[in-house]
C-alpha cells in the first residue's frame, strides 16, 4: 500500500507551521523520516478509530 498523504502538501504544511510557530528558526527541509512518522501516526489513528467505533450504520462518523 502506498503513501496515504501527499508528501509535497505535508512537507509544505510542516514548513508553514515552522514559519508560523518558530519565526526565528530558518528550517527549510523536512526529512523523509519525519514524513514516514507522520504517515505512520495517521495510519495508527485510523486503525484505532476503526477498532474502537461501534458497528452501526454504513458510515464511519467518529474518531474516539
PDB file of N, CA and C in Angstrom:
ATOM      1  N   UNK A   1       0.852  -1.177   0.000  1.00  0.00           N
ATOM      2  CA  UNK A   1       0.000   0.000   0.000  1.00  0.00           C
ATOM      3  C   UNK A   1       0.900   1.242   0.000  1.00  0.00           C
ATOM      4  N   UNK A   2       0.533   2.221  -0.781  1.00  0.00           N
ATOM      5  CA  UNK A   2       1.329   3.431  -0.905  1.00  0.00           C
ATOM      6  C   UNK A   2       1.097   4.432   0.217  1.00  0.00           C
ATOM      7  N   UNK A   3       1.691   5.556   0.050  1.00  0.00           N
ATOM      8  CA  UNK A   3       1.579   6.662   0.995  1.00  0.00           C
ATOM      9  C   UNK A   3       0.151   7.205   0.972  1.00  0.00           C
ATOM     10  N   UNK A   4      -0.476   7.401   2.118  1.00  0.00           N
ATOM     11  CA  UNK A   4      -1.818   7.980   2.173  1.00  0.00           C
ATOM     12  C   UNK A   4      -1.786   9.489   1.962  1.00  0.00           C
ATOM     13  N   UNK A   5      -0.757  10.112   2.503  1.00  0.00           N
ATOM     14  CA  UNK A   5      -0.672  11.569   2.465  1.00  0.00           C
ATOM     15  C   UNK A   5       0.121  12.045   1.257  1.00  0.00           C
ATOM     16  N   UNK A   6      -0.237  13.201   0.762  1.00  0.00           N
ATOM     17  CA  UNK A   6       0.518  13.837  -0.301  1.00  0.00           C
ATOM     18  C   UNK A   6       1.791  14.405   0.325  1.00  0.00           C
ATOM     19  N   UNK A   7       2.946  13.867  -0.075  1.00  0.00           N
ATOM     20  CA  UNK A   7       4.212  14.253   0.559  1.00  0.00           C
ATOM     21  C   UNK A   7       4.505  15.735   0.393  1.00  0.00           C
ATOM     22  N   UNK A   8       4.270  16.282  -0.793  1.00  0.00           N
ATOM     23  CA  UNK A   8       4.560  17.698  -1.031  1.00  0.00           C
ATOM     24  C   UNK A   8       3.666  18.597  -0.174  1.00  0.00           C
ATOM     25  N   UNK A   9       2.391  18.246  -0.080  1.00  0.00           N
ATOM     26  CA  UNK A   9       1.463  19.039   0.728  1.00  0.00           C
ATOM     27  C   UNK A   9       1.801  18.920   2.218  1.00  0.00           C
ATOM     28  N   UNK A  10       2.163  17.719   2.653  1.00  0.00           N
ATOM     29  CA  UNK A  10       2.538  17.518   4.059  1.00  0.00           C
ATOM     30  C   UNK A  10       3.796  18.310   4.395  1.00  0.00           C
ATOM     31  N   UNK A  11       4.789  18.243   3.529  1.00  0.00           N
ATOM     32  CA  UNK A  11       6.040  18.990   3.715  1.00  0.00           C
ATOM     33  C   UNK A  11       5.756  20.495   3.759  1.00  0.00           C
ATOM     34  N   UNK A  12       4.937  20.987   2.841  1.00  0.00           N
ATOM     35  CA  UNK A  12       4.605  22.416   2.803  1.00  0.00           C
ATOM     36  C   UNK A  12       3.883  22.842   4.079  1.00  0.00           C
ATOM     37  N   UNK A  13       2.968  21.998   4.570  1.00  0.00           N
ATOM     38  CA  UNK A  13       2.249  22.325   5.804  1.00  0.00           C
ATOM     39  C   UNK A  13       3.201  22.386   6.988  1.00  0.00           C
ATOM     40  N   UNK A  14       4.097  21.415   7.088  1.00  0.00           N
ATOM     41  CA  UNK A  14       5.068  21.395   8.189  1.00  0.00           C
ATOM     42  C   UNK A  14       5.931  22.654   8.144  1.00  0.00           C
ATOM     43  N   UNK A  15       6.446  23.006   6.984  1.00  0.00           N
ATOM     44  CA  UNK A  15       7.306  24.190   6.876  1.00  0.00           C
ATOM     45  C   UNK A  15       6.530  25.476   7.162  1.00  0.00           C
ATOM     46  N   UNK A  16       5.265  25.537   6.756  1.00  0.00           N
ATOM     47  CA  UNK A  16       4.428  26.709   7.071  1.00  0.00           C
ATOM     48  C   UNK A  16       4.219  26.826   8.578  1.00  0.00           C
ATOM     49  N   UNK A  17       4.003  25.695   9.238  1.00  0.00           N
ATOM     50  CA  UNK A  17       3.832  25.712  10.698  1.00  0.00           C
ATOM     51  C   UNK A  17       5.120  26.130  11.401  1.00  0.00           C
ATOM     52  N   UNK A  18       6.257  25.681  10.885  1.00  0.00           N
ATOM     53  CA  UNK A  18       7.545  26.105  11.456  1.00  0.00           C
ATOM     54  C   UNK A  18       7.676  27.623  11.352  1.00  0.00           C
ATOM     55  N   UNK A  19       7.379  28.171  10.169  1.00  0.00           N
ATOM     56  CA  UNK A  19       7.478  29.631   9.991  1.00  0.00           C
ATOM     57  C   UNK A  19       6.518  30.370  10.909  1.00  0.00           C
ATOM     58  N   UNK A  20       5.305  29.831  11.083  1.00  0.00           N
ATOM     59  CA  UNK A  20       4.297  30.484  11.913  1.00  0.00           C
ATOM     60  C   UNK A  20       4.634  30.399  13.408  1.00  0.00           C
ATOM     61  N   UNK A  21       5.024  29.215  13.849  1.00  0.00           N
ATOM     62  CA  UNK A  21       5.233  28.994  15.275  1.00  0.00           C
ATOM     63  C   UNK A  21       6.642  29.319  15.750  1.00  0.00           C
ATOM     64  N   UNK A  22       7.631  29.214  14.868  1.00  0.00           N
ATOM     65  CA  UNK A  22       9.028  29.397  15.267  1.00  0.00           C
ATOM     66  C   UNK A  22       9.726  30.357  14.302  1.00  0.00           C
ATOM     67  N   UNK A  23       9.339  31.627  14.283  1.00  0.00           N
ATOM     68  CA  UNK A  23       9.856  32.564  13.280  1.00  0.00           C
ATOM     69  C   UNK A  23      11.375  32.740  13.301  1.00  0.00           C
ATOM     70  N   UNK A  24      12.032  32.472  14.398  1.00  0.00           N
ATOM     71  CA  UNK A  24      13.477  32.632  14.475  1.00  0.00           C
ATOM     72  C   UNK A  24      14.263  31.457  13.903  1.00  0.00           C
ATOM     73  N   UNK A  25      13.571  30.379  13.545  1.00  0.00           N
ATOM     74  CA  UNK A  25      14.225  29.165  13.058  1.00  0.00           C
ATOM     75  C   UNK A  25      14.108  29.123  11.539  1.00  0.00           C
ATOM     76  N   UNK A  26      15.209  29.037  10.845  1.00  0.00           N
ATOM     77  CA  UNK A  26      15.183  29.058   9.380  1.00  0.00           C
ATOM     78  C   UNK A  26      15.167  27.642   8.806  1.00  0.00           C
ATOM     79  N   UNK A  27      14.265  26.824   9.271  1.00  0.00           N
ATOM     80  CA  UNK A  27      14.114  25.444   8.788  1.00  0.00           C
ATOM     81  C   UNK A  27      13.579  25.485   7.360  1.00  0.00           C
ATOM     82  N   UNK A  28      14.217  24.750   6.463  1.00  0.00           N
ATOM     83  CA  UNK A  28      13.769  24.783   5.075  1.00  0.00           C
ATOM     84  C   UNK A  28      13.573  23.392   4.464  1.00  0.00           C
ATOM     85  N   UNK A  29      13.816  22.339   5.252  1.00  0.00           N
ATOM     86  CA  UNK A  29      13.659  20.984   4.740  1.00  0.00           C
ATOM     87  C   UNK A  29      12.967  20.105   5.772  1.00  0.00           C
ATOM     88  N   UNK A  30      12.343  19.046   5.288  1.00  0.00           N
ATOM     89  CA  UNK A  30      11.696  18.044   6.148  1.00  0.00           C
ATOM     90  C   UNK A  30      12.270  16.692   5.754  1.00  0.00           C
ATOM     91  N   UNK A  31      12.762  15.952   6.724  1.00  0.00           N
ATOM     92  CA  UNK A  31      13.406  14.669   6.431  1.00  0.00           C
ATOM     93  C   UNK A  31      12.373  13.610   6.033  1.00  0.00           C
ATOM     94  N   UNK A  32      12.806  12.640   5.257  1.00  0.00           N
ATOM     95  CA  UNK A  32      11.920  11.522   4.913  1.00  0.00           C
ATOM     96  C   UNK A  32      11.438  10.766   6.159  1.00  0.00           C
ATOM     97  N   UNK A  33      12.259  10.737   7.185  1.00  0.00           N
ATOM     98  CA  UNK A  33      11.878  10.055   8.433  1.00  0.00           C
ATOM     99  C   UNK A  33      10.691  10.752   9.088  1.00  0.00           C
ATOM    100  N   UNK A  34      10.661  12.069   9.069  1.00  0.00           N
ATOM    101  CA  UNK A  34       9.532  12.808   9.651  1.00  0.00           C
ATOM    102  C   UNK A  34       8.267  12.534   8.838  1.00  0.00           C
ATOM    103  N   UNK A  35       8.369  12.543   7.513  1.00  0.00           N
ATOM    104  CA  UNK A  35       7.202  12.247   6.677  1.00  0.00           C
ATOM    105  C   UNK A  35       6.699  10.827   6.931  1.00  0.00           C
ATOM    106  N   UNK A  36       7.603   9.876   7.098  1.00  0.00           N
ATOM    107  CA  UNK A  36       7.207   8.497   7.387  1.00  0.00           C
ATOM    108  C   UNK A  36       6.537   8.403   8.756  1.00  0.00           C
ATOM    109  N   UNK A  37       7.039   9.141   9.737  1.00  0.00           N
ATOM    110  CA  UNK A  37       6.436   9.140  11.080  1.00  0.00           C
ATOM    111  C   UNK A  37       5.032   9.736  11.052  1.00  0.00           C
ATOM    112  N   UNK A  38       4.844  10.820  10.323  1.00  0.00           N
ATOM    113  CA  UNK A  38       3.515  11.431  10.196  1.00  0.00           C
ATOM    114  C   UNK A  38       2.562  10.438   9.529  1.00  0.00           C
ATOM    115  N   UNK A  39       3.029   9.784   8.462  1.00  0.00           N
ATOM    116  CA  UNK A  39       2.224   8.777   7.772  1.00  0.00           C
ATOM    117  C   UNK A  39       1.850   7.647   8.731  1.00  0.00           C
ATOM    118  N   UNK A  40       2.819   7.157   9.515  1.00  0.00           N
ATOM    119  CA  UNK A  40       2.551   6.076  10.461  1.00  0.00           C
ATOM    120  C   UNK A  40       1.503   6.503  11.488  1.00  0.00           C
ATOM    121  N   UNK A  41       1.616   7.730  11.994  1.00  0.00           N
ATOM    122  CA  UNK A  41       0.665   8.207  13.007  1.00  0.00           C
ATOM    123  C   UNK A  41      -0.746   8.333  12.441  1.00  0.00           C
ATOM    124  N   UNK A  42      -0.870   8.767  11.200  1.00  0.00           N
ATOM    125  CA  UNK A  42      -2.193   8.843  10.567  1.00  0.00           C
ATOM    126  C   UNK A  42      -2.776   7.441  10.430  1.00  0.00           C
ATOM    127  N   UNK A  43      -1.980   6.499   9.939  1.00  0.00           N
ATOM    128  CA  UNK A  43      -2.454   5.115   9.800  1.00  0.00           C
ATOM    129  C   UNK A  43      -2.858   4.527  11.157  1.00  0.00           C
ATOM    130  N   UNK A  44      -2.054   4.796  12.188  1.00  0.00           N
ATOM    131  CA  UNK A  44      -2.349   4.286  13.526  1.00  0.00           C
ATOM    132  C   UNK A  44      -3.653   4.886  14.061  1.00  0.00           C
ATOM    133  N   UNK A  45      -3.864   6.169  13.836  1.00  0.00           N
ATOM    134  CA  UNK A  45      -5.106   6.829  14.255  1.00  0.00           C
ATOM    135  C   UNK A  45      -6.308   6.194  13.574  1.00  0.00           C
ATOM    136  N   UNK A  46      -6.187   5.911  12.276  1.00  0.00           N
ATOM    137  CA  UNK A  46      -7.279   5.286  11.535  1.00  0.00           C
ATOM    138  C   UNK A  46      -7.545   3.874  12.060  1.00  0.00           C
ATOM    139  N   UNK A  47      -6.482   3.092  12.280  1.00  0.00           N
ATOM    140  CA  UNK A  47      -6.651   1.725  12.801  1.00  0.00           C
ATOM    141  C   UNK A  47      -7.372   1.736  14.147  1.00  0.00           C
ATOM    142  N   UNK A  48      -6.945   2.636  15.036  1.00  0.00           N
ATOM    143  CA  UNK A  48      -7.570   2.729  16.363  1.00  0.00           C
ATOM    144  C   UNK A  48      -9.022   3.172  16.253  1.00  0.00           C
ATOM    145  N   UNK A  49      -9.310   4.096  15.360  1.00  0.00           N
ATOM    146  CA  UNK A  49     -10.684   4.569  15.188  1.00  0.00           C
ATOM    147  C   UNK A  49     -11.591   3.446  14.705  1.00  0.00           C
ATOM    148  N   UNK A  50     -11.125   2.680  13.729  1.00  0.00           N
ATOM    149  CA  UNK A  50     -11.922   1.578  13.186  1.00  0.00           C
ATOM    150  C   UNK A  50     -12.162   0.521  14.261  1.00  0.00           C
ATOM    151  N   UNK A  51     -11.172   0.242  15.075  1.00  0.00           N
ATOM    152  CA  UNK A  51     -11.312  -0.771  16.121  1.00  0.00           C
ATOM    153  C   UNK A  51     -12.230  -0.312  17.259  1.00  0.00           C
ATOM    154  N   UNK A  52     -12.265   0.987  17.541  1.00  0.00           N
ATOM    155  CA  UNK A  52     -12.978   1.480  18.716  1.00  0.00           C
ATOM    156  C   UNK A  52     -14.430   1.881  18.459  1.00  0.00           C
ATOM    157  N   UNK A  53     -14.768   2.190  17.229  1.00  0.00           N
ATOM    158  CA  UNK A  53     -16.105   2.701  16.934  1.00  0.00           C
ATOM    159  C   UNK A  53     -17.095   1.555  16.855  1.00  0.00           C
ATOM    160  N   UNK A  54     -18.287   1.738  17.437  1.00  0.00           N
ATOM    161  CA  UNK A  54     -19.301   0.688  17.368  1.00  0.00           C
ATOM    162  C   UNK A  54     -19.733   0.422  15.921  1.00  0.00           C
ATOM    163  N   UNK A  55     -20.112  -0.816  15.646  1.00  0.00           N
ATOM    164  CA  UNK A  55     -20.552  -1.214  14.303  1.00  0.00           C
ATOM    165  C   UNK A  55     -22.034  -0.895  14.141  1.00  0.00           C
ATOM    166  N   UNK A  56     -22.302   0.268  13.614  1.00  0.00           N
ATOM    167  CA  UNK A  56     -23.695   0.636  13.319  1.00  0.00           C
ATOM    168  C   UNK A  56     -23.698   1.530  12.081  1.00  0.00           C
ATOM    169  N   UNK A  57     -24.689   1.321  11.270  1.00  0.00           N
ATOM    170  CA  UNK A  57     -24.795   2.092  10.038  1.00  0.00           C
ATOM    171  C   UNK A  57     -23.724   1.706   9.041  1.00  0.00           C
ATOM    172  N   UNK A  58     -23.547   2.538   8.019  1.00  0.00           N
ATOM    173  CA  UNK A  58     -22.584   2.254   6.965  1.00  0.00           C
ATOM    174  C   UNK A  58     -21.535   3.328   6.852  1.00  0.00           C
ATOM    175  N   UNK A  59     -21.507   4.266   7.811  1.00  0.00           N
ATOM    176  CA  UNK A  59     -20.568   5.385   7.741  1.00  0.00           C
ATOM    177  C   UNK A  59     -19.719   5.442   8.991  1.00  0.00           C
ATOM    178  N   UNK A  60     -18.408   5.507   8.813  1.00  0.00           N
ATOM    179  CA  UNK A  60     -17.504   5.769   9.938  1.00  0.00           C
ATOM    180  C   UNK A  60     -17.621   7.269  10.199  1.00  0.00           C
ATOM    181  N   UNK A  61     -18.244   7.616  11.312  1.00  0.00           N
ATOM    182  CA  UNK A  61     -18.587   9.022  11.512  1.00  0.00           C
ATOM    183  C   UNK A  61     -17.983   9.647  12.760  1.00  0.00           C
ATOM    184  N   UNK A  62     -17.102   8.910  13.434  1.00  0.00           N
ATOM    185  CA  UNK A  62     -16.468   9.491  14.613  1.00  0.00           C
ATOM    186  C   UNK A  62     -15.120   8.828  14.846  1.00  0.00           C
ATOM    187  N   UNK A  63     -14.231   9.570  15.468  1.00  0.00           N
ATOM    188  CA  UNK A  63     -12.943   9.037  15.890  1.00  0.00           C
ATOM    189  C   UNK A  63     -12.867   9.241  17.383  1.00  0.00           C
ATOM    190  N   UNK A  64     -12.763   8.146  18.104  1.00  0.00           N
ATOM    191  CA  UNK A  64     -12.727   8.227  19.569  1.00  0.00           C
ATOM    192  C   UNK A  64     -11.329   8.426  20.070  1.00  0.00           C
TER     193      UNK A  64
END
